[in-house]
């Protein structure tokens, strides 16, 4: 079985400098991607150079090669703050 990699974005220590802006920046990147007709994952994961855009397009093309046994697409309702588990009390 090939090794798997995991990329964590928007993570940081509780109260870390700038951490409170992560959601706002993520939403702005999503809007920017929509206006520029890019995949919303292109902006946080790839540079805005010609090489970065090309690498992103190649990456997303490889993702589409797998057509069965794929995870369900993430909906906006699953990423909204009201759908996230509460951290109250712990």
PDB file of N, CA and C in Angstrom:
ATOM      1  N   UNK A   1       0.855  -1.174   0.000  1.00  0.00           N
ATOM      2  CA  UNK A   1       0.000   0.000   0.000  1.00  0.00           C
ATOM      3  C   UNK A   1       0.904   1.242   0.000  1.00  0.00           C
ATOM      4  N   UNK A   2       0.642   2.205  -0.875  1.00  0.00           N
ATOM      5  CA  UNK A   2       1.483   3.407  -0.924  1.00  0.00           C
ATOM      6  C   UNK A   2       1.311   4.265   0.325  1.00  0.00           C
ATOM      7  N   UNK A   3       2.351   5.005   0.647  1.00  0.00           N
ATOM      8  CA  UNK A   3       2.296   5.913   1.799  1.00  0.00           C
ATOM      9  C   UNK A   3       1.289   7.030   1.527  1.00  0.00           C
ATOM     10  N   UNK A   4       0.611   7.443   2.554  1.00  0.00           N
ATOM     11  CA  UNK A   4      -0.371   8.524   2.438  1.00  0.00           C
ATOM     12  C   UNK A   4       0.217   9.793   3.043  1.00  0.00           C
ATOM     13  N   UNK A   5      -0.224  10.918   2.533  1.00  0.00           N
ATOM     14  CA  UNK A   5       0.192  12.207   3.075  1.00  0.00           C
ATOM     15  C   UNK A   5      -1.051  12.977   3.483  1.00  0.00           C
ATOM     16  N   UNK A   6      -0.906  13.793   4.493  1.00  0.00           N
ATOM     17  CA  UNK A   6      -2.006  14.608   4.979  1.00  0.00           C
ATOM     18  C   UNK A   6      -1.505  16.036   5.127  1.00  0.00           C
ATOM     19  N   UNK A   7      -2.250  16.978   4.586  1.00  0.00           N
ATOM     20  CA  UNK A   7      -1.896  18.388   4.715  1.00  0.00           C
ATOM     21  C   UNK A   7      -2.947  19.049   5.592  1.00  0.00           C
ATOM     22  N   UNK A   8      -2.501  19.626   6.675  1.00  0.00           N
ATOM     23  CA  UNK A   8      -3.392  20.341   7.580  1.00  0.00           C
ATOM     24  C   UNK A   8      -3.268  21.829   7.284  1.00  0.00           C
ATOM     25  N   UNK A   9      -4.381  22.477   7.026  1.00  0.00           N
ATOM     26  CA  UNK A   9      -4.367  23.916   6.783  1.00  0.00           C
ATOM     27  C   UNK A   9      -5.252  24.602   7.806  1.00  0.00           C
ATOM     28  N   UNK A  10      -4.931  25.843   8.055  1.00  0.00           N
ATOM     29  CA  UNK A  10      -5.744  26.624   8.984  1.00  0.00           C
ATOM     30  C   UNK A  10      -5.622  26.133  10.411  1.00  0.00           C
ATOM     31  N   UNK A  11      -4.520  25.488  10.740  1.00  0.00           N
ATOM     32  CA  UNK A  11      -4.345  24.988  12.096  1.00  0.00           C
ATOM     33  C   UNK A  11      -3.391  25.899  12.855  1.00  0.00           C
ATOM     34  N   UNK A  12      -3.476  25.847  14.120  1.00  0.00           N
ATOM     35  CA  UNK A  12      -2.588  26.651  14.944  1.00  0.00           C
ATOM     36  C   UNK A  12      -3.003  26.537  16.392  1.00  0.00           C
ATOM     37  N   UNK A  13      -2.174  27.020  17.282  1.00  0.00           N
ATOM     38  CA  UNK A  13      -2.506  26.937  18.697  1.00  0.00           C
ATOM     39  C   UNK A  13      -3.694  27.832  19.029  1.00  0.00           C
ATOM     40  N   UNK A  14      -4.469  27.425  19.993  1.00  0.00           N
ATOM     41  CA  UNK A  14      -5.589  28.254  20.437  1.00  0.00           C
ATOM     42  C   UNK A  14      -5.062  29.620  20.832  1.00  0.00           C
ATOM     43  N   UNK A  15      -5.635  30.644  20.268  1.00  0.00           N
ATOM     44  CA  UNK A  15      -5.204  31.994  20.585  1.00  0.00           C
ATOM     45  C   UNK A  15      -3.920  32.413  19.898  1.00  0.00           C
ATOM     46  N   UNK A  16      -3.413  31.582  18.972  1.00  0.00           N
ATOM     47  CA  UNK A  16      -2.194  31.921  18.253  1.00  0.00           C
ATOM     48  C   UNK A  16      -2.383  33.184  17.422  1.00  0.00           C
ATOM     49  N   UNK A  17      -1.304  33.893  17.167  1.00  0.00           N
ATOM     50  CA  UNK A  17      -1.359  35.145  16.426  1.00  0.00           C
ATOM     51  C   UNK A  17      -2.007  34.925  15.051  1.00  0.00           C
ATOM     52  N   UNK A  18      -3.050  35.681  14.756  1.00  0.00           N
ATOM     53  CA  UNK A  18      -3.723  35.624  13.469  1.00  0.00           C
ATOM     54  C   UNK A  18      -4.708  34.479  13.300  1.00  0.00           C
ATOM     55  N   UNK A  19      -4.798  33.567  14.278  1.00  0.00           N
ATOM     56  CA  UNK A  19      -5.659  32.395  14.132  1.00  0.00           C
ATOM     57  C   UNK A  19      -7.132  32.784  14.011  1.00  0.00           C
ATOM     58  N   UNK A  20      -7.506  33.908  14.611  1.00  0.00           N
ATOM     59  CA  UNK A  20      -8.910  34.322  14.547  1.00  0.00           C
ATOM     60  C   UNK A  20      -9.311  34.749  13.133  1.00  0.00           C
ATOM     61  N   UNK A  21      -8.342  34.987  12.261  1.00  0.00           N
ATOM     62  CA  UNK A  21      -8.642  35.429  10.895  1.00  0.00           C
ATOM     63  C   UNK A  21      -8.732  34.282   9.890  1.00  0.00           C
ATOM     64  N   UNK A  22      -8.477  33.059  10.323  1.00  0.00           N
ATOM     65  CA  UNK A  22      -8.407  31.934   9.390  1.00  0.00           C
ATOM     66  C   UNK A  22      -9.720  31.743   8.631  1.00  0.00           C
ATOM     67  N   UNK A  23     -10.849  31.761   9.316  1.00  0.00           N
ATOM     68  CA  UNK A  23     -12.137  31.556   8.639  1.00  0.00           C
ATOM     69  C   UNK A  23     -12.408  32.661   7.622  1.00  0.00           C
ATOM     70  N   UNK A  24     -12.154  33.892   8.008  1.00  0.00           N
ATOM     71  CA  UNK A  24     -12.390  35.014   7.101  1.00  0.00           C
ATOM     72  C   UNK A  24     -11.504  34.888   5.868  1.00  0.00           C
ATOM     73  N   UNK A  25     -10.237  34.570   6.059  1.00  0.00           N
ATOM     74  CA  UNK A  25      -9.311  34.426   4.932  1.00  0.00           C
ATOM     75  C   UNK A  25      -9.710  33.257   4.029  1.00  0.00           C
ATOM     76  N   UNK A  26     -10.171  32.183   4.635  1.00  0.00           N
ATOM     77  CA  UNK A  26     -10.618  31.023   3.862  1.00  0.00           C
ATOM     78  C   UNK A  26     -11.816  31.385   2.987  1.00  0.00           C
ATOM     79  N   UNK A  27     -12.751  32.124   3.554  1.00  0.00           N
ATOM     80  CA  UNK A  27     -13.926  32.546   2.781  1.00  0.00           C
ATOM     81  C   UNK A  27     -13.518  33.501   1.654  1.00  0.00           C
ATOM     82  N   UNK A  28     -12.589  34.405   1.938  1.00  0.00           N
ATOM     83  CA  UNK A  28     -12.117  35.318   0.889  1.00  0.00           C
ATOM     84  C   UNK A  28     -11.423  34.560  -0.238  1.00  0.00           C
ATOM     85  N   UNK A  29     -10.636  33.544   0.104  1.00  0.00           N
ATOM     86  CA  UNK A  29      -9.985  32.723  -0.923  1.00  0.00           C
ATOM     87  C   UNK A  29     -11.013  31.979  -1.766  1.00  0.00           C
ATOM     88  N   UNK A  30     -12.085  31.506  -1.137  1.00  0.00           N
ATOM     89  CA  UNK A  30     -13.135  30.811  -1.876  1.00  0.00           C
ATOM     90  C   UNK A  30     -13.812  31.765  -2.858  1.00  0.00           C
ATOM     91  N   UNK A  31     -14.117  32.966  -2.420  1.00  0.00           N
ATOM     92  CA  UNK A  31     -14.732  33.961  -3.303  1.00  0.00           C
ATOM     93  C   UNK A  31     -13.774  34.319  -4.444  1.00  0.00           C
ATOM     94  N   UNK A  32     -12.502  34.510  -4.111  1.00  0.00           N
ATOM     95  CA  UNK A  32     -11.491  34.820  -5.136  1.00  0.00           C
ATOM     96  C   UNK A  32     -11.426  33.700  -6.177  1.00  0.00           C
ATOM     97  N   UNK A  33     -11.471  32.461  -5.722  1.00  0.00           N
ATOM     98  CA  UNK A  33     -11.428  31.323  -6.646  1.00  0.00           C
ATOM     99  C   UNK A  33     -12.646  31.316  -7.556  1.00  0.00           C
ATOM    100  N   UNK A  34     -13.812  31.602  -6.998  1.00  0.00           N
ATOM    101  CA  UNK A  34     -15.028  31.615  -7.815  1.00  0.00           C
ATOM    102  C   UNK A  34     -14.973  32.705  -8.888  1.00  0.00           C
ATOM    103  N   UNK A  35     -14.476  33.881  -8.520  1.00  0.00           N
ATOM    104  CA  UNK A  35     -14.393  34.978  -9.485  1.00  0.00           C
ATOM    105  C   UNK A  35     -13.331  34.749 -10.561  1.00  0.00           C
ATOM    106  N   UNK A  36     -12.333  33.938 -10.250  1.00  0.00           N
ATOM    107  CA  UNK A  36     -11.272  33.672 -11.223  1.00  0.00           C
ATOM    108  C   UNK A  36     -11.423  32.301 -11.874  1.00  0.00           C
ATOM    109  N   UNK A  37     -12.568  31.662 -11.635  1.00  0.00           N
ATOM    110  CA  UNK A  37     -12.895  30.355 -12.224  1.00  0.00           C
ATOM    111  C   UNK A  37     -11.845  29.294 -11.899  1.00  0.00           C
ATOM    112  N   UNK A  38     -11.378  29.299 -10.656  1.00  0.00           N
ATOM    113  CA  UNK A  38     -10.418  28.303 -10.194  1.00  0.00           C
ATOM    114  C   UNK A  38     -11.086  27.392  -9.171  1.00  0.00           C
ATOM    115  N   UNK A  39     -10.504  26.246  -8.972  1.00  0.00           N
ATOM    116  CA  UNK A  39     -10.941  25.377  -7.894  1.00  0.00           C
ATOM    117  C   UNK A  39     -10.607  26.099  -6.582  1.00  0.00           C
ATOM    118  N   UNK A  40     -11.522  26.145  -5.620  1.00  0.00           N
ATOM    119  CA  UNK A  40     -11.243  26.858  -4.360  1.00  0.00           C
ATOM    120  C   UNK A  40     -10.007  26.345  -3.618  1.00  0.00           C
ATOM    121  N   UNK A  41      -9.592  25.115  -3.875  1.00  0.00           N
ATOM    122  CA  UNK A  41      -8.398  24.582  -3.219  1.00  0.00           C
ATOM    123  C   UNK A  41      -7.120  25.067  -3.898  1.00  0.00           C
ATOM    124  N   UNK A  42      -7.220  25.650  -5.074  1.00  0.00           N
ATOM    125  CA  UNK A  42      -6.039  26.125  -5.798  1.00  0.00           C
ATOM    126  C   UNK A  42      -5.315  27.224  -5.017  1.00  0.00           C
ATOM    127  N   UNK A  43      -6.058  28.152  -4.459  1.00  0.00           N
ATOM    128  CA  UNK A  43      -5.453  29.341  -3.850  1.00  0.00           C
ATOM    129  C   UNK A  43      -4.660  29.027  -2.582  1.00  0.00           C
ATOM    130  N   UNK A  44      -5.183  28.269  -1.622  1.00  0.00           N
ATOM    131  CA  UNK A  44      -4.360  28.040  -0.426  1.00  0.00           C
ATOM    132  C   UNK A  44      -3.222  27.032  -0.615  1.00  0.00           C
ATOM    133  N   UNK A  45      -3.316  26.171  -1.619  1.00  0.00           N
ATOM    134  CA  UNK A  45      -2.336  25.098  -1.755  1.00  0.00           C
ATOM    135  C   UNK A  45      -1.278  25.318  -2.832  1.00  0.00           C
ATOM    136  N   UNK A  46      -1.514  26.228  -3.753  1.00  0.00           N
ATOM    137  CA  UNK A  46      -0.584  26.430  -4.864  1.00  0.00           C
ATOM    138  C   UNK A  46      -0.279  27.914  -5.024  1.00  0.00           C
ATOM    139  N   UNK A  47       0.943  28.217  -5.460  1.00  0.00           N
ATOM    140  CA  UNK A  47       1.329  29.612  -5.655  1.00  0.00           C
ATOM    141  C   UNK A  47       0.537  30.211  -6.814  1.00  0.00           C
ATOM    142  N   UNK A  48       0.538  31.522  -6.882  1.00  0.00           N
ATOM    143  CA  UNK A  48      -0.209  32.221  -7.936  1.00  0.00           C
ATOM    144  C   UNK A  48       0.664  32.502  -9.153  1.00  0.00           C
ATOM    145  N   UNK A  49       1.767  31.791  -9.260  1.00  0.00           N
ATOM    146  CA  UNK A  49       2.626  31.913 -10.439  1.00  0.00           C
ATOM    147  C   UNK A  49       2.086  31.006 -11.536  1.00  0.00           C
ATOM    148  N   UNK A  50       2.603  31.159 -12.737  1.00  0.00           N
ATOM    149  CA  UNK A  50       2.186  30.289 -13.848  1.00  0.00           C
ATOM    150  C   UNK A  50       2.467  28.826 -13.500  1.00  0.00           C
ATOM    151  N   UNK A  51       3.635  28.569 -12.898  1.00  0.00           N
ATOM    152  CA  UNK A  51       3.977  27.199 -12.510  1.00  0.00           C
ATOM    153  C   UNK A  51       3.051  26.656 -11.437  1.00  0.00           C
ATOM    154  N   UNK A  52       2.679  27.496 -10.479  1.00  0.00           N
ATOM    155  CA  UNK A  52       1.760  27.079  -9.424  1.00  0.00           C
ATOM    156  C   UNK A  52       0.377  26.770  -9.963  1.00  0.00           C
ATOM    157  N   UNK A  53      -0.108  27.615 -10.857  1.00  0.00           N
ATOM    158  CA  UNK A  53      -1.426  27.365 -11.463  1.00  0.00           C
ATOM    159  C   UNK A  53      -1.402  26.075 -12.280  1.00  0.00           C
ATOM    160  N   UNK A  54      -0.312  25.856 -13.017  1.00  0.00           N
ATOM    161  CA  UNK A  54      -0.178  24.644 -13.824  1.00  0.00           C
ATOM    162  C   UNK A  54      -0.132  23.404 -12.921  1.00  0.00           C
ATOM    163  N   UNK A  55       0.646  23.470 -11.842  1.00  0.00           N
ATOM    164  CA  UNK A  55       0.744  22.347 -10.907  1.00  0.00           C
ATOM    165  C   UNK A  55      -0.620  22.048 -10.284  1.00  0.00           C
ATOM    166  N   UNK A  56      -1.364  23.093  -9.938  1.00  0.00           N
ATOM    167  CA  UNK A  56      -2.696  22.895  -9.370  1.00  0.00           C
ATOM    168  C   UNK A  56      -3.634  22.218 -10.351  1.00  0.00           C
ATOM    169  N   UNK A  57      -3.632  22.669 -11.588  1.00  0.00           N
ATOM    170  CA  UNK A  57      -4.499  22.061 -12.600  1.00  0.00           C
ATOM    171  C   UNK A  57      -4.137  20.597 -12.816  1.00  0.00           C
ATOM    172  N   UNK A  58      -2.847  20.286 -12.827  1.00  0.00           N
ATOM    173  CA  UNK A  58      -2.421  18.894 -12.985  1.00  0.00           C
ATOM    174  C   UNK A  58      -2.864  18.051 -11.799  1.00  0.00           C
ATOM    175  N   UNK A  59      -2.739  18.601 -10.602  1.00  0.00           N
ATOM    176  CA  UNK A  59      -3.149  17.894  -9.396  1.00  0.00           C
ATOM    177  C   UNK A  59      -4.645  17.593  -9.420  1.00  0.00           C
ATOM    178  N   UNK A  60      -5.456  18.586  -9.753  1.00  0.00           N
ATOM    179  CA  UNK A  60      -6.906  18.384  -9.759  1.00  0.00           C
ATOM    180  C   UNK A  60      -7.322  17.423 -10.866  1.00  0.00           C
ATOM    181  N   UNK A  61      -6.608  17.416 -11.974  1.00  0.00           N
ATOM    182  CA  UNK A  61      -6.891  16.449 -13.040  1.00  0.00           C
ATOM    183  C   UNK A  61      -6.621  15.026 -12.545  1.00  0.00           C
ATOM    184  N   UNK A  62      -5.530  14.848 -11.786  1.00  0.00           N
ATOM    185  CA  UNK A  62      -5.235  13.518 -11.235  1.00  0.00           C
ATOM    186  C   UNK A  62      -6.313  13.085 -10.245  1.00  0.00           C
ATOM    187  N   UNK A  63      -6.834  14.024  -9.470  1.00  0.00           N
ATOM    188  CA  UNK A  63      -7.897  13.678  -8.522  1.00  0.00           C
ATOM    189  C   UNK A  63      -9.135  13.144  -9.244  1.00  0.00           C
ATOM    190  N   UNK A  64      -9.419  13.698 -10.414  1.00  0.00           N
ATOM    191  CA  UNK A  64     -10.617  13.292 -11.155  1.00  0.00           C
ATOM    192  C   UNK A  64     -10.454  11.950 -11.861  1.00  0.00           C
ATOM    193  N   UNK A  65      -9.216  11.433 -11.913  1.00  0.00           N
ATOM    194  CA  UNK A  65      -8.995  10.141 -12.568  1.00  0.00           C
ATOM    195  C   UNK A  65      -9.695   9.009 -11.826  1.00  0.00           C
ATOM    196  N   UNK A  66      -9.781   9.114 -10.538  1.00  0.00           N
ATOM    197  CA  UNK A  66     -10.451   8.078  -9.742  1.00  0.00           C
ATOM    198  C   UNK A  66     -11.949   8.338  -9.801  1.00  0.00           C
ATOM    199  N   UNK A  67     -12.697   7.385 -10.341  1.00  0.00           N
ATOM    200  CA  UNK A  67     -14.130   7.605 -10.545  1.00  0.00           C
ATOM    201  C   UNK A  67     -15.016   6.757  -9.636  1.00  0.00           C
ATOM    202  N   UNK A  68     -14.464   5.791  -8.913  1.00  0.00           N
ATOM    203  CA  UNK A  68     -15.295   4.999  -8.005  1.00  0.00           C
ATOM    204  C   UNK A  68     -14.638   4.934  -6.625  1.00  0.00           C
ATOM    205  N   UNK A  69     -15.437   4.588  -5.627  1.00  0.00           N
ATOM    206  CA  UNK A  69     -14.979   4.554  -4.233  1.00  0.00           C
ATOM    207  C   UNK A  69     -14.447   5.902  -3.761  1.00  0.00           C
ATOM    208  N   UNK A  70     -15.059   6.954  -4.197  1.00  0.00           N
ATOM    209  CA  UNK A  70     -14.650   8.302  -3.781  1.00  0.00           C
ATOM    210  C   UNK A  70     -15.474   8.742  -2.573  1.00  0.00           C
ATOM    211  N   UNK A  71     -14.913   9.613  -1.760  1.00  0.00           N
ATOM    212  CA  UNK A  71     -15.671  10.200  -0.657  1.00  0.00           C
ATOM    213  C   UNK A  71     -16.761  11.098  -1.229  1.00  0.00           C
ATOM    214  N   UNK A  72     -17.801  11.291  -0.449  1.00  0.00           N
ATOM    215  CA  UNK A  72     -18.855  12.211  -0.866  1.00  0.00           C
ATOM    216  C   UNK A  72     -18.301  13.638  -0.894  1.00  0.00           C
ATOM    217  N   UNK A  73     -18.821  14.436  -1.806  1.00  0.00           N
ATOM    218  CA  UNK A  73     -18.391  15.832  -1.900  1.00  0.00           C
ATOM    219  C   UNK A  73     -18.787  16.575  -0.631  1.00  0.00           C
ATOM    220  N   UNK A  74     -17.966  17.525  -0.237  1.00  0.00           N
ATOM    221  CA  UNK A  74     -18.263  18.329   0.951  1.00  0.00           C
ATOM    222  C   UNK A  74     -19.227  19.436   0.545  1.00  0.00           C
ATOM    223  N   UNK A  75     -20.287  19.602   1.314  1.00  0.00           N
ATOM    224  CA  UNK A  75     -21.256  20.655   1.029  1.00  0.00           C
ATOM    225  C   UNK A  75     -20.966  21.848   1.939  1.00  0.00           C
ATOM    226  N   UNK A  76     -21.450  23.006   1.544  1.00  0.00           N
ATOM    227  CA  UNK A  76     -21.251  24.198   2.368  1.00  0.00           C
ATOM    228  C   UNK A  76     -21.870  24.038   3.745  1.00  0.00           C
ATOM    229  N   UNK A  77     -22.985  23.323   3.832  1.00  0.00           N
ATOM    230  CA  UNK A  77     -23.631  23.154   5.136  1.00  0.00           C
ATOM    231  C   UNK A  77     -22.757  22.345   6.084  1.00  0.00           C
ATOM    232  N   UNK A  78     -21.900  21.473   5.559  1.00  0.00           N
ATOM    233  CA  UNK A  78     -21.028  20.671   6.413  1.00  0.00           C
ATOM    234  C   UNK A  78     -19.837  21.480   6.892  1.00  0.00           C
ATOM    235  N   UNK A  79     -19.558  22.609   6.278  1.00  0.00           N
ATOM    236  CA  UNK A  79     -18.411  23.413   6.693  1.00  0.00           C
ATOM    237  C   UNK A  79     -18.816  24.649   7.480  1.00  0.00           C
ATOM    238  N   UNK A  80     -20.110  24.846   7.678  1.00  0.00           N
ATOM    239  CA  UNK A  80     -20.562  26.031   8.398  1.00  0.00           C
ATOM    240  C   UNK A  80     -20.283  25.878   9.892  1.00  0.00           C
ATOM    241  N   UNK A  81     -20.093  26.994  10.582  1.00  0.00           N
ATOM    242  CA  UNK A  81     -19.796  26.918  12.014  1.00  0.00           C
ATOM    243  C   UNK A  81     -20.856  26.174  12.825  1.00  0.00           C
ATOM    244  N   UNK A  82     -22.118  26.237  12.404  1.00  0.00           N
ATOM    245  CA  UNK A  82     -23.170  25.581  13.167  1.00  0.00           C
ATOM    246  C   UNK A  82     -23.092  24.069  13.074  1.00  0.00           C
ATOM    247  N   UNK A  83     -22.359  23.552  12.080  1.00  0.00           N
ATOM    248  CA  UNK A  83     -22.252  22.093  11.946  1.00  0.00           C
ATOM    249  C   UNK A  83     -21.018  21.529  12.628  1.00  0.00           C
ATOM    250  N   UNK A  84     -20.157  22.407  13.147  1.00  0.00           N
ATOM    251  CA  UNK A  84     -18.934  21.961  13.791  1.00  0.00           C
ATOM    252  C   UNK A  84     -19.233  21.561  15.235  1.00  0.00           C
ATOM    253  N   UNK A  85     -18.496  20.578  15.734  1.00  0.00           N
ATOM    254  CA  UNK A  85     -18.714  20.177  17.141  1.00  0.00           C
ATOM    255  C   UNK A  85     -18.392  21.320  18.083  1.00  0.00           C
ATOM    256  N   UNK A  86     -19.116  21.367  19.160  1.00  0.00           N
ATOM    257  CA  UNK A  86     -18.890  22.398  20.170  1.00  0.00           C
ATOM    258  C   UNK A  86     -17.662  22.061  20.999  1.00  0.00           C
ATOM    259  N   UNK A  87     -16.894  23.075  21.355  1.00  0.00           N
ATOM    260  CA  UNK A  87     -15.736  22.869  22.230  1.00  0.00           C
ATOM    261  C   UNK A  87     -16.022  23.350  23.631  1.00  0.00           C
ATOM    262  N   UNK A  88     -17.268  23.699  23.899  1.00  0.00           N
ATOM    263  CA  UNK A  88     -17.636  24.187  25.217  1.00  0.00           C
ATOM    264  C   UNK A  88     -17.410  23.108  26.274  1.00  0.00           C
ATOM    265  N   UNK A  89     -16.836  23.502  27.348  1.00  0.00           N
ATOM    266  CA  UNK A  89     -16.637  22.578  28.459  1.00  0.00           C
ATOM    267  C   UNK A  89     -15.456  21.636  28.291  1.00  0.00           C
ATOM    268  N   UNK A  90     -14.619  21.862  27.293  1.00  0.00           N
ATOM    269  CA  UNK A  90     -13.528  20.929  27.210  1.00  0.00           C
ATOM    270  C   UNK A  90     -12.560  21.205  26.194  1.00  0.00           C
TER     271      UNK A  90
END
